Protein backbone atom coordinates (compact mmCIF):
# COMPACT_ATOMS: atom_id res chain seq x y z
CA MET A 1 23.63 -16.78 21.94
CA ASP A 2 22.74 -13.35 20.51
CA VAL A 3 26.42 -12.38 20.48
CA GLU A 4 27.23 -15.49 18.47
CA LEU A 5 24.43 -14.75 15.99
CA ASP A 6 25.63 -11.16 15.64
CA ARG A 7 29.21 -12.35 15.09
CA ARG A 8 28.03 -14.86 12.49
CA ALA A 9 25.87 -12.24 10.75
CA ARG A 10 28.77 -9.78 10.65
CA LYS A 11 31.08 -12.44 9.24
CA THR A 12 28.51 -13.36 6.59
CA LEU A 13 28.11 -9.71 5.60
CA ARG A 14 31.91 -9.24 5.42
CA THR A 15 32.21 -12.32 3.20
CA ARG A 16 29.43 -11.12 0.90
CA ARG A 17 31.06 -7.68 0.66
CA GLU A 18 34.40 -9.23 -0.24
CA ILE A 19 32.78 -11.28 -2.98
CA VAL A 20 30.93 -8.28 -4.45
CA ARG A 21 34.05 -6.11 -4.16
CA ALA A 22 36.21 -8.75 -5.88
CA ALA A 23 33.64 -9.27 -8.63
CA THR A 24 33.31 -5.53 -9.19
CA GLU A 25 37.07 -5.03 -9.35
CA LEU A 26 37.42 -7.81 -11.91
CA VAL A 27 34.55 -6.45 -14.02
CA LEU A 28 36.06 -2.95 -13.97
CA GLU A 29 39.49 -4.30 -14.91
CA GLU A 30 38.62 -6.95 -17.48
CA GLY A 31 34.87 -7.13 -18.03
CA TYR A 32 32.07 -9.39 -16.86
CA GLU A 33 32.94 -12.31 -19.12
CA ARG A 34 36.45 -12.70 -17.71
CA ALA A 35 35.29 -12.31 -14.10
CA THR A 36 34.74 -16.01 -13.48
CA ILE A 37 33.59 -17.44 -10.17
CA THR A 38 37.05 -18.99 -9.72
CA ARG A 39 38.80 -15.67 -10.30
CA ILE A 40 36.33 -13.87 -8.03
CA ALA A 41 37.05 -16.41 -5.28
CA GLU A 42 40.80 -15.99 -5.76
CA ARG A 43 40.53 -12.20 -5.65
CA ALA A 44 38.41 -12.35 -2.48
CA ASP A 45 40.80 -14.93 -0.96
CA LEU A 46 37.94 -17.38 -0.50
CA ALA A 47 37.15 -20.91 -1.60
CA THR A 48 35.09 -21.17 -4.79
CA ARG A 49 32.48 -23.07 -2.80
CA THR A 50 32.15 -20.13 -0.41
CA VAL A 51 31.29 -17.86 -3.34
CA THR A 52 28.77 -20.28 -4.83
CA THR A 53 27.21 -20.87 -1.41
CA ARG A 54 26.58 -17.14 -1.00
CA PHE A 55 25.60 -16.52 -4.64
CA PRO A 56 24.14 -19.30 -6.82
CA SER A 57 25.53 -17.70 -9.99
CA LYS A 58 27.87 -14.96 -11.12
CA GLU A 59 24.85 -13.00 -12.33
CA ALA A 60 23.34 -13.16 -8.82
CA ILE A 61 26.35 -11.28 -7.46
CA PHE A 62 25.16 -8.24 -9.41
CA PHE A 63 21.38 -8.72 -9.54
CA GLU A 64 20.57 -10.32 -6.20
CA GLY A 65 17.22 -9.26 -4.85
CA PHE A 66 15.79 -7.94 -8.11
CA ASP A 67 12.99 -10.50 -8.12
CA VAL A 68 12.03 -9.50 -4.59
CA VAL A 69 10.83 -6.08 -5.79
CA LEU A 70 8.78 -7.50 -8.67
CA GLY A 71 6.14 -9.06 -6.40
CA PRO A 72 5.21 -5.74 -4.78
CA LEU A 73 5.36 -4.02 -8.19
CA GLN A 74 2.89 -6.49 -9.64
CA ARG A 75 0.60 -6.16 -6.62
CA HIS A 76 0.58 -2.36 -6.87
CA LEU A 77 0.08 -2.29 -10.63
CA GLN A 78 -2.89 -4.65 -10.38
CA ALA A 79 -4.53 -2.56 -7.64
CA SER A 80 -7.45 -0.33 -8.57
CA GLU A 81 -6.57 2.82 -6.63
CA GLY A 82 -5.38 5.70 -8.80
CA ASP A 83 -3.79 5.58 -12.20
CA VAL A 84 -0.61 3.74 -13.19
CA VAL A 85 1.64 6.58 -12.01
CA ASP A 86 -0.12 6.66 -8.62
CA ARG A 87 0.41 2.92 -8.29
CA LEU A 88 4.08 3.18 -9.28
CA GLN A 89 4.54 5.89 -6.67
CA ALA A 90 2.82 3.69 -4.06
CA TRP A 91 5.22 0.88 -4.94
CA ILE A 92 8.25 3.18 -4.54
CA ALA A 93 6.84 4.44 -1.23
CA GLU A 94 6.47 0.85 -0.02
CA LEU A 95 10.05 0.05 -1.01
CA ALA A 96 11.30 3.22 0.68
CA GLY A 97 9.34 2.35 3.82
CA THR A 98 10.84 -1.10 4.21
CA PRO A 99 14.20 -1.53 5.93
CA ASP A 100 17.00 -1.59 3.37
CA VAL A 101 18.27 -5.14 3.47
CA GLU A 102 21.04 -4.44 1.00
CA ASP A 103 24.31 -3.18 2.31
CA PRO A 104 24.89 0.33 0.87
CA GLU A 105 28.49 -0.45 -0.05
CA MET A 106 27.46 -3.54 -2.01
CA ARG A 107 24.75 -1.56 -3.78
CA ARG A 108 27.26 1.11 -4.85
CA LEU A 109 29.74 -1.50 -6.06
CA ARG A 110 27.09 -3.37 -8.05
CA SER A 111 25.73 -0.18 -9.54
CA ARG A 112 29.21 0.95 -10.59
CA ALA A 113 29.97 -2.36 -12.31
CA ILE A 114 26.62 -2.40 -14.13
CA ALA A 115 27.13 1.19 -15.29
CA VAL A 116 30.45 0.46 -17.00
CA ASP A 117 30.04 -3.07 -18.35
CA PRO A 118 27.97 -3.67 -21.51
CA ASP A 119 27.24 -7.32 -20.60
CA LEU A 120 25.87 -6.30 -17.21
CA ARG A 121 23.85 -3.46 -18.75
CA ALA A 122 22.29 -5.98 -21.15
CA MET A 123 21.45 -8.26 -18.23
CA ARG A 124 19.85 -5.33 -16.41
CA VAL A 125 17.58 -4.87 -19.44
CA GLN A 126 16.63 -8.56 -19.26
CA HIS A 127 15.86 -8.23 -15.55
CA PHE A 128 13.67 -5.22 -16.27
CA ASP A 129 11.74 -7.06 -19.02
CA ARG A 130 9.25 -8.49 -16.53
CA ALA A 131 8.68 -5.03 -15.03
CA HIS A 132 8.22 -3.68 -18.56
CA GLU A 133 5.51 -6.29 -19.25
CA LEU A 134 3.72 -5.54 -15.96
CA ILE A 135 3.78 -1.79 -16.58
CA ALA A 136 2.59 -2.10 -20.19
CA ALA A 137 -0.32 -4.30 -19.06
CA ALA A 138 -1.33 -1.76 -16.40
CA VAL A 139 -1.18 1.13 -18.88
CA ALA A 140 -3.24 -0.88 -21.37
CA ALA A 141 -5.87 -1.48 -18.71
CA ASP A 142 -5.95 2.23 -17.84
CA THR A 143 -6.14 3.39 -21.44
CA GLY A 144 -8.31 0.66 -22.96
CA THR A 145 -5.62 -0.43 -25.40
CA ALA A 146 -3.66 -3.63 -25.98
CA PRO A 147 -0.50 -4.14 -23.91
CA ASP A 148 1.58 -4.58 -27.06
CA SER A 149 0.32 -1.37 -28.69
CA ALA A 150 2.65 1.61 -29.05
CA GLY A 151 1.35 3.71 -26.15
CA PRO A 152 1.70 1.14 -23.35
CA GLN A 153 5.02 -0.03 -24.77
CA MET A 154 6.43 3.51 -24.91
CA PHE A 155 5.20 4.28 -21.38
CA ALA A 156 6.73 1.05 -20.02
CA ALA A 157 10.02 1.73 -21.80
CA ALA A 158 10.14 5.26 -20.38
CA THR A 159 9.40 3.96 -16.88
CA VAL A 160 12.14 1.34 -17.07
CA ALA A 161 14.54 4.00 -18.40
CA LEU A 162 13.61 6.25 -15.47
CA PHE A 163 14.43 3.49 -12.99
CA GLY A 164 17.68 2.76 -14.81
CA VAL A 165 18.72 6.42 -14.56
CA VAL A 166 17.65 6.89 -10.94
CA GLU A 167 19.07 3.64 -9.53
CA PRO A 168 22.77 4.63 -9.78
CA ILE A 169 21.94 7.98 -8.18
CA ALA A 170 20.06 6.21 -5.37
CA ALA A 171 23.01 3.85 -4.87
CA VAL A 172 25.17 6.86 -4.00
CA ASP A 173 22.60 9.02 -2.20
CA GLY A 174 18.91 8.21 -1.91
CA ASP A 175 18.06 11.82 -1.07
CA LEU A 176 19.46 12.96 -4.44
CA ALA A 177 17.38 10.35 -6.26
CA LEU A 178 14.01 11.46 -4.88
CA PRO A 179 13.73 14.77 -6.81
CA GLU A 180 14.80 13.02 -10.01
CA LEU A 181 12.25 10.30 -9.42
CA GLU A 182 9.51 12.89 -8.83
CA ARG A 183 10.51 14.73 -12.01
CA GLY A 184 10.33 11.44 -13.89
CA PHE A 185 6.91 10.67 -12.46
CA GLY A 186 5.77 14.09 -13.71
CA VAL A 187 6.91 13.16 -17.22
CA LEU A 188 5.14 9.81 -16.95
CA ARG A 189 1.95 11.49 -15.75
CA GLY A 190 1.99 13.74 -18.83
CA THR A 191 2.65 10.73 -21.05
CA LEU A 192 -0.25 8.83 -19.52
CA ALA A 193 -2.58 11.81 -20.03
CA ALA A 194 -1.58 11.91 -23.70
CA LEU A 195 -2.38 8.21 -24.08
CA LYS A 196 -5.86 8.35 -22.58
CA PRO A 197 -8.73 8.53 -25.08
């Protein structure tokens, strides 16, 4: 029974990799808009239904799992221990401490496609909008200002930019990303100090 489950899990992972690889290749060759589900299925030598069973939308091929990290982010930002930067660091530590459910190859492929395609970069910004709102609200609470005021908005934008810069590095080598992340947290800590009354 376990052997069958392992075989099935390996086959599922292979199929998902082929879909992400095919989608990435098409995006790199012709752009996100032209990389239709039908063309992705053809490139991966799979039925269209197989692709849509694994990924509910073309966007999900590239941004799968993003919402999963928002729950812990919100929980950490709403905690009362430390300042916003401490809570962001606690969130990153939690993510780093959980087993990586994403296949490293798929993460690299997705990251590469997002880096080169303007449509995917715009979607990444949309996905980060919720994180931006959560961060701005936490900064506002820490500084006694409104979430839509300049300080919280600038801090949130800088934080989202930091994650956008570090993510492609982490997709290639997580160890290289850690010093950059720490440097970024240092900048954010200085920014937060400047915003406090």
